[in-house]
Amino acid sequence: MNILLSCCAGMSTSILVEGIIQECERQGKDYNIKTVDQGILKDEIDGVDVILLAPQVRHILKRVEKMAKGRIPIGVIRVKDYGQLDATAVLKYAEELFENHITQKTIK
């Protein structure tokens, strides 16, 4: 799975990404995790399976949904999980978004 996190500047999100990568390794999952600044998000969504927005950029959610055109599930990371850099919770959230998206596509 390819997971893209987006934020503003990327400092704390890059720390979270490192934690998610470690959690993937611990769980034996071969996922690609990347973080980008919100300003270049549009250029980075090709091939992405899930987009997660940091809480501080939740205001761009509608814009990102338009960019993704329903092809990619998008979610805003919970403030608590982001603040605590809870990589396990964020990874689980990404997987749930992906699974729900696949299920909805299958039902249609």
PDB file of N, CA and C in Angstrom:
ATOM      1  N   MET A   1       0.849  -1.167   0.000  1.00  0.00           N
ATOM      2  CA  MET A   1       0.000   0.000   0.000  1.00  0.00           C
ATOM      3  C   MET A   1       0.899   1.236   0.000  1.00  0.00           C
ATOM      4  N   ASN A   2       0.475   2.253  -0.722  1.00  0.00           N
ATOM      5  CA  ASN A   2       1.188   3.525  -0.774  1.00  0.00           C
ATOM      6  C   ASN A   2       0.372   4.558  -0.007  1.00  0.00           C
ATOM      7  N   ILE A   3       0.963   5.046   1.069  1.00  0.00           N
ATOM      8  CA  ILE A   3       0.287   6.012   1.935  1.00  0.00           C
ATOM      9  C   ILE A   3       1.017   7.337   1.854  1.00  0.00           C
ATOM     10  N   LEU A   4       0.266   8.398   1.603  1.00  0.00           N
ATOM     11  CA  LEU A   4       0.829   9.738   1.492  1.00  0.00           C
ATOM     12  C   LEU A   4       0.262  10.605   2.599  1.00  0.00           C
ATOM     13  N   LEU A   5       1.149  11.180   3.405  1.00  0.00           N
ATOM     14  CA  LEU A   5       0.747  12.123   4.439  1.00  0.00           C
ATOM     15  C   LEU A   5       1.080  13.520   3.960  1.00  0.00           C
ATOM     16  N   SER A   6       0.200  14.452   4.260  1.00  0.00           N
ATOM     17  CA  SER A   6       0.449  15.828   3.858  1.00  0.00           C
ATOM     18  C   SER A   6       0.255  16.749   5.054  1.00  0.00           C
ATOM     19  N   CYS A   7       1.088  17.757   5.102  1.00  0.00           N
ATOM     20  CA  CYS A   7       1.041  18.704   6.209  1.00  0.00           C
ATOM     21  C   CYS A   7       1.546  20.052   5.721  1.00  0.00           C
ATOM     22  N   CYS A   8       1.931  20.856   6.658  1.00  0.00           N
ATOM     23  CA  CYS A   8       2.486  22.171   6.356  1.00  0.00           C
ATOM     24  C   CYS A   8       3.940  22.165   6.835  1.00  0.00           C
ATOM     25  N   ALA A   9       4.869  22.170   5.937  1.00  0.00           N
ATOM     26  CA  ALA A   9       6.313  22.163   6.203  1.00  0.00           C
ATOM     27  C   ALA A   9       6.878  20.781   6.472  1.00  0.00           C
ATOM     28  N   GLY A  10       6.199  19.917   7.193  1.00  0.00           N
ATOM     29  CA  GLY A  10       6.603  18.522   7.285  1.00  0.00           C
ATOM     30  C   GLY A  10       7.460  18.084   8.444  1.00  0.00           C
ATOM     31  N   MET A  11       7.727  18.941   9.406  1.00  0.00           N
ATOM     32  CA  MET A  11       8.623  18.534  10.490  1.00  0.00           C
ATOM     33  C   MET A  11       8.046  17.418  11.349  1.00  0.00           C
ATOM     34  N   SER A  12       6.921  17.648  12.005  1.00  0.00           N
ATOM     35  CA  SER A  12       6.370  16.609  12.881  1.00  0.00           C
ATOM     36  C   SER A  12       5.831  15.440  12.070  1.00  0.00           C
ATOM     37  N   THR A  13       5.334  15.697  10.880  1.00  0.00           N
ATOM     38  CA  THR A  13       4.824  14.610  10.052  1.00  0.00           C
ATOM     39  C   THR A  13       5.950  13.690   9.616  1.00  0.00           C
ATOM     40  N   SER A  14       7.124  14.225   9.359  1.00  0.00           N
ATOM     41  CA  SER A  14       8.241  13.357   8.974  1.00  0.00           C
ATOM     42  C   SER A  14       8.642  12.440  10.135  1.00  0.00           C
ATOM     43  N   ILE A  15       8.503  12.918  11.354  1.00  0.00           N
ATOM     44  CA  ILE A  15       8.773  12.072  12.528  1.00  0.00           C
ATOM     45  C   ILE A  15       7.724  10.961  12.595  1.00  0.00           C
ATOM     46  N   LEU A  16       6.468  11.320  12.354  1.00  0.00           N
ATOM     47  CA  LEU A  16       5.390  10.338  12.355  1.00  0.00           C
ATOM     48  C   LEU A  16       5.603   9.297  11.261  1.00  0.00           C
ATOM     49  N   VAL A  17       6.021   9.730  10.090  1.00  0.00           N
ATOM     50  CA  VAL A  17       6.279   8.806   8.981  1.00  0.00           C
ATOM     51  C   VAL A  17       7.346   7.790   9.376  1.00  0.00           C
ATOM     52  N   GLU A  18       8.394   8.239  10.023  1.00  0.00           N
ATOM     53  CA  GLU A  18       9.438   7.304  10.471  1.00  0.00           C
ATOM     54  C   GLU A  18       8.854   6.264  11.417  1.00  0.00           C
ATOM     55  N   GLY A  19       7.981   6.701  12.311  1.00  0.00           N
ATOM     56  CA  GLY A  19       7.324   5.765  13.225  1.00  0.00           C
ATOM     57  C   GLY A  19       6.441   4.772  12.496  1.00  0.00           C
ATOM     58  N   ILE A  20       5.722   5.246  11.475  1.00  0.00           N
ATOM     59  CA  ILE A  20       4.850   4.365  10.692  1.00  0.00           C
ATOM     60  C   ILE A  20       5.689   3.343   9.921  1.00  0.00           C
ATOM     61  N   ILE A  21       6.796   3.775   9.360  1.00  0.00           N
ATOM     62  CA  ILE A  21       7.691   2.858   8.652  1.00  0.00           C
ATOM     63  C   ILE A  21       8.185   1.772   9.602  1.00  0.00           C
ATOM     64  N   GLN A  22       8.580   2.159  10.795  1.00  0.00           N
ATOM     65  CA  GLN A  22       9.038   1.182  11.785  1.00  0.00           C
ATOM     66  C   GLN A  22       7.923   0.221  12.171  1.00  0.00           C
ATOM     67  N   GLU A  23       6.696   0.763  12.317  1.00  0.00           N
ATOM     68  CA  GLU A  23       5.556  -0.088  12.664  1.00  0.00           C
ATOM     69  C   GLU A  23       5.259  -1.074  11.540  1.00  0.00           C
ATOM     70  N   CYS A  24       5.354  -0.627  10.308  1.00  0.00           N
ATOM     71  CA  CYS A  24       5.161  -1.530   9.154  1.00  0.00           C
ATOM     72  C   CYS A  24       6.187  -2.650   9.178  1.00  0.00           C
ATOM     73  N   GLU A  25       7.424  -2.305   9.442  1.00  0.00           N
ATOM     74  CA  GLU A  25       8.476  -3.316   9.516  1.00  0.00           C
ATOM     75  C   GLU A  25       8.184  -4.307  10.637  1.00  0.00           C
ATOM     76  N   ARG A  26       7.755  -3.790  11.773  1.00  0.00           N
ATOM     77  CA  ARG A  26       7.439  -4.640  12.926  1.00  0.00           C
ATOM     78  C   ARG A  26       6.314  -5.615  12.589  1.00  0.00           C
ATOM     79  N   GLN A  27       5.330  -5.131  11.803  1.00  0.00           N
ATOM     80  CA  GLN A  27       4.187  -5.964  11.433  1.00  0.00           C
ATOM     81  C   GLN A  27       4.418  -6.768  10.160  1.00  0.00           C
ATOM     82  N   GLY A  28       5.591  -6.611   9.541  1.00  0.00           N
ATOM     83  CA  GLY A  28       5.908  -7.353   8.330  1.00  0.00           C
ATOM     84  C   GLY A  28       5.148  -6.866   7.104  1.00  0.00           C
ATOM     85  N   LYS A  29       4.816  -5.583   7.070  1.00  0.00           N
ATOM     86  CA  LYS A  29       4.060  -5.007   5.954  1.00  0.00           C
ATOM     87  C   LYS A  29       4.999  -4.200   5.069  1.00  0.00           C
ATOM     88  N   ASP A  30       4.890  -4.424   3.781  1.00  0.00           N
ATOM     89  CA  ASP A  30       5.743  -3.751   2.817  1.00  0.00           C
ATOM     90  C   ASP A  30       4.996  -2.559   2.210  1.00  0.00           C
ATOM     91  N   TYR A  31       4.827  -1.506   2.981  1.00  0.00           N
ATOM     92  CA  TYR A  31       4.108  -0.312   2.551  1.00  0.00           C
ATOM     93  C   TYR A  31       5.113   0.788   2.225  1.00  0.00           C
ATOM     94  N   ASN A  32       4.712   1.661   1.320  1.00  0.00           N
ATOM     95  CA  ASN A  32       5.479   2.869   1.045  1.00  0.00           C
ATOM     96  C   ASN A  32       4.783   4.020   1.757  1.00  0.00           C
ATOM     97  N   ILE A  33       5.524   4.730   2.574  1.00  0.00           N
ATOM     98  CA  ILE A  33       4.980   5.843   3.331  1.00  0.00           C
ATOM     99  C   ILE A  33       5.777   7.081   2.955  1.00  0.00           C
ATOM    100  N   LYS A  34       5.071   8.152   2.638  1.00  0.00           N
ATOM    101  CA  LYS A  34       5.739   9.375   2.202  1.00  0.00           C
ATOM    102  C   LYS A  34       4.993  10.580   2.767  1.00  0.00           C
ATOM    103  N   THR A  35       5.721  11.661   2.968  1.00  0.00           N
ATOM    104  CA  THR A  35       5.093  12.903   3.403  1.00  0.00           C
ATOM    105  C   THR A  35       5.466  14.019   2.429  1.00  0.00           C
ATOM    106  N   VAL A  36       4.494  14.884   2.171  1.00  0.00           N
ATOM    107  CA  VAL A  36       4.733  16.031   1.297  1.00  0.00           C
ATOM    108  C   VAL A  36       4.037  17.259   1.869  1.00  0.00           C
ATOM    109  N   ASP A  37       4.555  18.397   1.503  1.00  0.00           N
ATOM    110  CA  ASP A  37       3.923  19.665   1.859  1.00  0.00           C
ATOM    111  C   ASP A  37       2.609  19.793   1.103  1.00  0.00           C
ATOM    112  N   GLN A  38       1.630  20.389   1.728  1.00  0.00           N
ATOM    113  CA  GLN A  38       0.320  20.552   1.106  1.00  0.00           C
ATOM    114  C   GLN A  38       0.386  21.272  -0.239  1.00  0.00           C
ATOM    115  N   GLY A  39       1.359  22.119  -0.431  1.00  0.00           N
ATOM    116  CA  GLY A  39       1.484  22.886  -1.664  1.00  0.00           C
ATOM    117  C   GLY A  39       1.799  22.059  -2.891  1.00  0.00           C
ATOM    118  N   ILE A  40       2.405  20.883  -2.701  1.00  0.00           N
ATOM    119  CA  ILE A  40       2.751  20.042  -3.857  1.00  0.00           C
ATOM    120  C   ILE A  40       1.966  18.726  -3.870  1.00  0.00           C
ATOM    121  N   LEU A  41       0.968  18.632  -3.036  1.00  0.00           N
ATOM    122  CA  LEU A  41       0.192  17.402  -2.931  1.00  0.00           C
ATOM    123  C   LEU A  41      -0.368  16.955  -4.278  1.00  0.00           C
ATOM    124  N   LYS A  42      -0.877  17.888  -5.061  1.00  0.00           N
ATOM    125  CA  LYS A  42      -1.483  17.551  -6.347  1.00  0.00           C
ATOM    126  C   LYS A  42      -0.509  16.812  -7.261  1.00  0.00           C
ATOM    127  N   ASP A  43       0.762  17.149  -7.171  1.00  0.00           N
ATOM    128  CA  ASP A  43       1.781  16.533  -8.014  1.00  0.00           C
ATOM    129  C   ASP A  43       2.199  15.148  -7.525  1.00  0.00           C
ATOM    130  N   GLU A  44       1.747  14.762  -6.348  1.00  0.00           N
ATOM    131  CA  GLU A  44       2.239  13.528  -5.725  1.00  0.00           C
ATOM    132  C   GLU A  44       1.195  12.438  -5.565  1.00  0.00           C
ATOM    133  N   ILE A  45      -0.049  12.641  -6.042  1.00  0.00           N
ATOM    134  CA  ILE A  45      -1.099  11.670  -5.728  1.00  0.00           C
ATOM    135  C   ILE A  45      -1.182  10.475  -6.677  1.00  0.00           C
ATOM    136  N   ASP A  46      -0.501  10.528  -7.804  1.00  0.00           N
ATOM    137  CA  ASP A  46      -0.529   9.375  -8.711  1.00  0.00           C
ATOM    138  C   ASP A  46       0.078   8.150  -8.028  1.00  0.00           C
ATOM    139  N   GLY A  47      -0.626   7.048  -8.074  1.00  0.00           N
ATOM    140  CA  GLY A  47      -0.132   5.809  -7.500  1.00  0.00           C
ATOM    141  C   GLY A  47      -0.320   5.685  -6.002  1.00  0.00           C
ATOM    142  N   VAL A  48      -0.993   6.653  -5.393  1.00  0.00           N
ATOM    143  CA  VAL A  48      -1.212   6.637  -3.951  1.00  0.00           C
ATOM    144  C   VAL A  48      -2.498   5.870  -3.645  1.00  0.00           C
ATOM    145  N   ASP A  49      -2.484   5.075  -2.583  1.00  0.00           N
ATOM    146  CA  ASP A  49      -3.662   4.304  -2.177  1.00  0.00           C
ATOM    147  C   ASP A  49      -4.478   5.004  -1.096  1.00  0.00           C
ATOM    148  N   VAL A  50      -3.821   5.804  -0.264  1.00  0.00           N
ATOM    149  CA  VAL A  50      -4.486   6.524   0.834  1.00  0.00           C
ATOM    150  C   VAL A  50      -3.772   7.851   1.048  1.00  0.00           C
ATOM    151  N   ILE A  51      -4.563   8.909   1.282  1.00  0.00           N
ATOM    152  CA  ILE A  51      -3.996  10.207   1.641  1.00  0.00           C
ATOM    153  C   ILE A  51      -4.454  10.543   3.051  1.00  0.00           C
ATOM    154  N   LEU A  52      -3.495  10.873   3.895  1.00  0.00           N
ATOM    155  CA  LEU A  52      -3.787  11.316   5.253  1.00  0.00           C
ATOM    156  C   LEU A  52      -3.334  12.760   5.406  1.00  0.00           C
ATOM    157  N   LEU A  53      -4.216  13.572   5.939  1.00  0.00           N
ATOM    158  CA  LEU A  53      -3.883  14.969   6.186  1.00  0.00           C
ATOM    159  C   LEU A  53      -3.598  15.175   7.661  1.00  0.00           C
ATOM    160  N   ALA A  54      -2.564  15.935   7.944  1.00  0.00           N
ATOM    161  CA  ALA A  54      -2.280  16.313   9.321  1.00  0.00           C
ATOM    162  C   ALA A  54      -3.402  17.240   9.804  1.00  0.00           C
ATOM    163  N   PRO A  55      -3.702  17.227  11.083  1.00  0.00           N
ATOM    164  CA  PRO A  55      -4.810  18.041  11.593  1.00  0.00           C
ATOM    165  C   PRO A  55      -4.704  19.529  11.250  1.00  0.00           C
ATOM    166  N   GLN A  56      -3.492  20.058  11.186  1.00  0.00           N
ATOM    167  CA  GLN A  56      -3.318  21.486  10.929  1.00  0.00           C
ATOM    168  C   GLN A  56      -3.636  21.888   9.497  1.00  0.00           C
ATOM    169  N   VAL A  57      -3.804  20.905   8.607  1.00  0.00           N
ATOM    170  CA  VAL A  57      -4.187  21.227   7.224  1.00  0.00           C
ATOM    171  C   VAL A  57      -5.554  20.640   6.865  1.00  0.00           C
ATOM    172  N   ARG A  58      -6.349  20.350   7.859  1.00  0.00           N
ATOM    173  CA  ARG A  58      -7.680  19.775   7.599  1.00  0.00           C
ATOM    174  C   ARG A  58      -8.530  20.696   6.725  1.00  0.00           C
ATOM    175  N   HIS A  59      -8.196  21.980   6.711  1.00  0.00           N
ATOM    176  CA  HIS A  59      -8.957  22.935   5.907  1.00  0.00           C
ATOM    177  C   HIS A  59      -8.830  22.684   4.403  1.00  0.00           C
ATOM    178  N   ILE A  60      -7.868  21.872   3.970  1.00  0.00           N
ATOM    179  CA  ILE A  60      -7.721  21.583   2.539  1.00  0.00           C
ATOM    180  C   ILE A  60      -8.439  20.292   2.130  1.00  0.00           C
ATOM    181  N   LEU A  61      -9.156  19.681   3.042  1.00  0.00           N
ATOM    182  CA  LEU A  61      -9.800  18.395   2.777  1.00  0.00           C
ATOM    183  C   LEU A  61     -10.678  18.433   1.525  1.00  0.00           C
ATOM    184  N   LYS A  62     -11.543  19.402   1.395  1.00  0.00           N
ATOM    185  CA  LYS A  62     -12.442  19.480   0.227  1.00  0.00           C
ATOM    186  C   LYS A  62     -11.647  19.624  -1.069  1.00  0.00           C
ATOM    187  N   ARG A  63     -10.606  20.422  -1.030  1.00  0.00           N
ATOM    188  CA  ARG A  63      -9.759  20.613  -2.215  1.00  0.00           C
ATOM    189  C   ARG A  63      -9.067  19.301  -2.611  1.00  0.00           C
ATOM    190  N   VAL A  64      -8.583  18.579  -1.622  1.00  0.00           N
ATOM    191  CA  VAL A  64      -7.906  17.312  -1.893  1.00  0.00           C
ATOM    192  C   VAL A  64      -8.907  16.281  -2.411  1.00  0.00           C
ATOM    193  N   GLU A  65     -10.108  16.288  -1.878  1.00  0.00           N
ATOM    194  CA  GLU A  65     -11.141  15.377  -2.376  1.00  0.00           C
ATOM    195  C   GLU A  65     -11.430  15.644  -3.854  1.00  0.00           C
ATOM    196  N   LYS A  66     -11.442  16.905  -4.243  1.00  0.00           N
ATOM    197  CA  LYS A  66     -11.645  17.241  -5.658  1.00  0.00           C
ATOM    198  C   LYS A  66     -10.484  16.746  -6.510  1.00  0.00           C
ATOM    199  N   MET A  67      -9.275  16.872  -5.993  1.00  0.00           N
ATOM    200  CA  MET A  67      -8.095  16.386  -6.718  1.00  0.00           C
ATOM    201  C   MET A  67      -8.166  14.873  -6.928  1.00  0.00           C
ATOM    202  N   ALA A  68      -8.570  14.170  -5.898  1.00  0.00           N
ATOM    203  CA  ALA A  68      -8.577  12.702  -5.925  1.00  0.00           C
ATOM    204  C   ALA A  68      -9.747  12.142  -6.727  1.00  0.00           C
ATOM    205  N   LYS A  69     -10.789  12.922  -6.911  1.00  0.00           N
ATOM    206  CA  LYS A  69     -11.947  12.525  -7.728  1.00  0.00           C
ATOM    207  C   LYS A  69     -12.535  11.178  -7.326  1.00  0.00           C
ATOM    208  N   GLY A  70     -12.527  10.887  -6.030  1.00  0.00           N
ATOM    209  CA  GLY A  70     -13.119   9.645  -5.537  1.00  0.00           C
ATOM    210  C   GLY A  70     -12.276   8.404  -5.736  1.00  0.00           C
ATOM    211  N   ARG A  71     -11.112   8.556  -6.337  1.00  0.00           N
ATOM    212  CA  ARG A  71     -10.238   7.407  -6.599  1.00  0.00           C
ATOM    213  C   ARG A  71      -9.434   6.982  -5.386  1.00  0.00           C
ATOM    214  N   ILE A  72      -9.205   7.917  -4.473  1.00  0.00           N
ATOM    215  CA  ILE A  72      -8.303   7.673  -3.347  1.00  0.00           C
ATOM    216  C   ILE A  72      -9.025   8.054  -2.054  1.00  0.00           C
ATOM    217  N   PRO A  73      -9.020   7.169  -1.062  1.00  0.00           N
ATOM    218  CA  PRO A  73      -9.600   7.548   0.223  1.00  0.00           C
ATOM    219  C   PRO A  73      -8.712   8.583   0.921  1.00  0.00           C
ATOM    220  N   ILE A  74      -9.372   9.541   1.569  1.00  0.00           N
ATOM    221  CA  ILE A  74      -8.668  10.639   2.226  1.00  0.00           C
ATOM    222  C   ILE A  74      -9.207  10.788   3.636  1.00  0.00           C
ATOM    223  N   GLY A  75      -8.324  10.990   4.573  1.00  0.00           N
ATOM    224  CA  GLY A  75      -8.752  11.202   5.950  1.00  0.00           C
ATOM    225  C   GLY A  75      -7.860  12.194   6.653  1.00  0.00           C
ATOM    226  N   VAL A  76      -8.397  12.758   7.725  1.00  0.00           N
ATOM    227  CA  VAL A  76      -7.634  13.662   8.576  1.00  0.00           C
ATOM    228  C   VAL A  76      -7.227  12.876   9.825  1.00  0.00           C
ATOM    229  N   ILE A  77      -5.953  12.888  10.125  1.00  0.00           N
ATOM    230  CA  ILE A  77      -5.437  12.180  11.294  1.00  0.00           C
ATOM    231  C   ILE A  77      -6.000  12.818  12.557  1.00  0.00           C
ATOM    232  N   ARG A  78      -6.430  11.971  13.474  1.00  0.00           N
ATOM    233  CA  ARG A  78      -6.961  12.485  14.746  1.00  0.00           C
ATOM    234  C   ARG A  78      -5.885  13.301  15.473  1.00  0.00           C
ATOM    235  N   VAL A  79      -6.304  14.397  16.062  1.00  0.00           N
ATOM    236  CA  VAL A  79      -5.374  15.288  16.769  1.00  0.00           C
ATOM    237  C   VAL A  79      -4.596  14.520  17.836  1.00  0.00           C
ATOM    238  N   LYS A  80      -5.280  13.690  18.586  1.00  0.00           N
ATOM    239  CA  LYS A  80      -4.625  12.927  19.653  1.00  0.00           C
ATOM    240  C   LYS A  80      -3.535  12.014  19.081  1.00  0.00           C
ATOM    241  N   ASP A  81      -3.863  11.278  18.022  1.00  0.00           N
ATOM    242  CA  ASP A  81      -2.892  10.360  17.422  1.00  0.00           C
ATOM    243  C   ASP A  81      -1.703  11.118  16.835  1.00  0.00           C
ATOM    244  N   TYR A  82      -1.993  12.246  16.212  1.00  0.00           N
ATOM    245  CA  TYR A  82      -0.935  13.070  15.619  1.00  0.00           C
ATOM    246  C   TYR A  82      -0.045  13.661  16.713  1.00  0.00           C
ATOM    247  N   GLY A  83      -0.668  14.213  17.721  1.00  0.00           N
ATOM    248  CA  GLY A  83       0.081  14.853  18.812  1.00  0.00           C
ATOM    249  C   GLY A  83       0.954  13.880  19.577  1.00  0.00           C
ATOM    250  N   GLN A  84       0.482  12.647  19.707  1.00  0.00           N
ATOM    251  CA  GLN A  84       1.251  11.633  20.429  1.00  0.00           C
ATOM    252  C   GLN A  84       2.170  10.837  19.491  1.00  0.00           C
ATOM    253  N   LEU A  85       2.161  11.201  18.208  1.00  0.00           N
ATOM    254  CA  LEU A  85       2.930  10.478  17.191  1.00  0.00           C
ATOM    255  C   LEU A  85       2.668   8.976  17.282  1.00  0.00           C
ATOM    256  N   ASP A  86       1.372   8.634  17.397  1.00  0.00           N
ATOM    257  CA  ASP A  86       0.946   7.250  17.555  1.00  0.00           C
ATOM    258  C   ASP A  86       0.906   6.569  16.185  1.00  0.00           C
ATOM    259  N   ALA A  87       2.053   6.058  15.788  1.00  0.00           N
ATOM    260  CA  ALA A  87       2.196   5.444  14.466  1.00  0.00           C
ATOM    261  C   ALA A  87       1.268   4.251  14.288  1.00  0.00           C
ATOM    262  N   THR A  88       1.064   3.470  15.329  1.00  0.00           N
ATOM    263  CA  THR A  88       0.195   2.297  15.246  1.00  0.00           C
ATOM    264  C   THR A  88      -1.234   2.709  14.921  1.00  0.00           C
ATOM    265  N   ALA A  89      -1.734   3.724  15.611  1.00  0.00           N
ATOM    266  CA  ALA A  89      -3.104   4.199  15.382  1.00  0.00           C
ATOM    267  C   ALA A  89      -3.262   4.816  14.000  1.00  0.00           C
ATOM    268  N   VAL A  90      -2.270   5.560  13.560  1.00  0.00           N
ATOM    269  CA  VAL A  90      -2.342   6.209  12.252  1.00  0.00           C
ATOM    270  C   VAL A  90      -2.284   5.158  11.139  1.00  0.00           C
ATOM    271  N   LEU A  91      -1.448   4.165  11.288  1.00  0.00           N
ATOM    272  CA  LEU A  91      -1.370   3.083  10.313  1.00  0.00           C
ATOM    273  C   LEU A  91      -2.704   2.332  10.243  1.00  0.00           C
ATOM    274  N   LYS A  92      -3.265   2.033  11.378  1.00  0.00           N
ATOM    275  CA  LYS A  92      -4.559   1.346  11.427  1.00  0.00           C
ATOM    276  C   LYS A  92      -5.632   2.184  10.732  1.00  0.00           C
ATOM    277  N   TYR A  93      -5.628   3.478  10.969  1.00  0.00           N
ATOM    278  CA  TYR A  93      -6.596   4.386  10.335  1.00  0.00           C
ATOM    279  C   TYR A  93      -6.446   4.356   8.813  1.00  0.00           C
ATOM    280  N   ALA A  94      -5.223   4.408   8.332  1.00  0.00           N
ATOM    281  CA  ALA A  94      -4.977   4.360   6.884  1.00  0.00           C
ATOM    282  C   ALA A  94      -5.504   3.052   6.295  1.00  0.00           C
ATOM    283  N   GLU A  95      -5.250   1.957   6.981  1.00  0.00           N
ATOM    284  CA  GLU A  95      -5.722   0.654   6.496  1.00  0.00           C
ATOM    285  C   GLU A  95      -7.246   0.591   6.486  1.00  0.00           C
ATOM    286  N   GLU A  96      -7.877   1.153   7.499  1.00  0.00           N
ATOM    287  CA  GLU A  96      -9.341   1.177   7.553  1.00  0.00           C
ATOM    288  C   GLU A  96      -9.918   2.024   6.418  1.00  0.00           C
ATOM    289  N   LEU A  97      -9.318   3.177   6.164  1.00  0.00           N
ATOM    290  CA  LEU A  97      -9.769   4.018   5.052  1.00  0.00           C
ATOM    291  C   LEU A  97      -9.677   3.255   3.733  1.00  0.00           C
ATOM    292  N   PHE A  98      -8.570   2.587   3.541  1.00  0.00           N
ATOM    293  CA  PHE A  98      -8.352   1.834   2.312  1.00  0.00           C
ATOM    294  C   PHE A  98      -9.370   0.707   2.171  1.00  0.00           C
ATOM    295  N   GLU A  99      -9.549  -0.083   3.224  1.00  0.00           N
ATOM    296  CA  GLU A  99     -10.492  -1.201   3.189  1.00  0.00           C
ATOM    297  C   GLU A  99     -11.924  -0.723   2.951  1.00  0.00           C
ATOM    298  N   ASN A 100     -12.319   0.353   3.621  1.00  0.00           N
ATOM    299  CA  ASN A 100     -13.668   0.902   3.427  1.00  0.00           C
ATOM    300  C   ASN A 100     -13.858   1.384   1.993  1.00  0.00           C
ATOM    301  N   HIS A 101     -12.831   1.981   1.430  1.00  0.00           N
ATOM    302  CA  HIS A 101     -12.896   2.481   0.058  1.00  0.00           C
ATOM    303  C   HIS A 101     -13.060   1.318  -0.930  1.00  0.00           C
ATOM    304  N   ILE A 102     -12.289   0.263  -0.724  1.00  0.00           N
ATOM    305  CA  ILE A 102     -12.364  -0.927  -1.586  1.00  0.00           C
ATOM    306  C   ILE A 102     -13.752  -1.565  -1.462  1.00  0.00           C
ATOM    307  N   THR A 103     -14.246  -1.661  -0.246  1.00  0.00           N
ATOM    308  CA  THR A 103     -15.578  -2.253  -0.021  1.00  0.00           C
ATOM    309  C   THR A 103     -16.654  -1.450  -0.720  1.00  0.00           C
ATOM    310  N   GLN A 104     -16.592  -0.146  -0.629  1.00  0.00           N
ATOM    311  CA  GLN A 104     -17.590   0.716  -1.270  1.00  0.00           C
ATOM    312  C   GLN A 104     -17.531   0.566  -2.789  1.00  0.00           C
ATOM    313  N   LYS A 105     -16.329   0.461  -3.344  1.00  0.00           N
ATOM    314  CA  LYS A 105     -16.187   0.289  -4.791  1.00  0.00           C
ATOM    315  C   LYS A 105     -16.764  -1.039  -5.243  1.00  0.00           C
ATOM    316  N   THR A 106     -16.603  -2.067  -4.404  1.00  0.00           N
ATOM    317  CA  THR A 106     -17.080  -3.408  -4.725  1.00  0.00           C
ATOM    318  C   THR A 106     -18.611  -3.441  -4.714  1.00  0.00           C
ATOM    319  N   ILE A 107     -19.209  -2.725  -3.765  1.00  0.00           N
ATOM    320  CA  ILE A 107     -20.664  -2.696  -3.631  1.00  0.00           C
ATOM    321  C   ILE A 107     -21.315  -2.000  -4.818  1.00  0.00           C
ATOM    322  N   LYS A 108     -20.671  -0.973  -5.348  1.00  0.00           N
ATOM    323  CA  LYS A 108     -21.243  -0.204  -6.463  1.00  0.00           C
ATOM    324  C   LYS A 108     -21.266  -0.968  -7.696  1.00  0.00           C
TER     325      LYS A 108
END
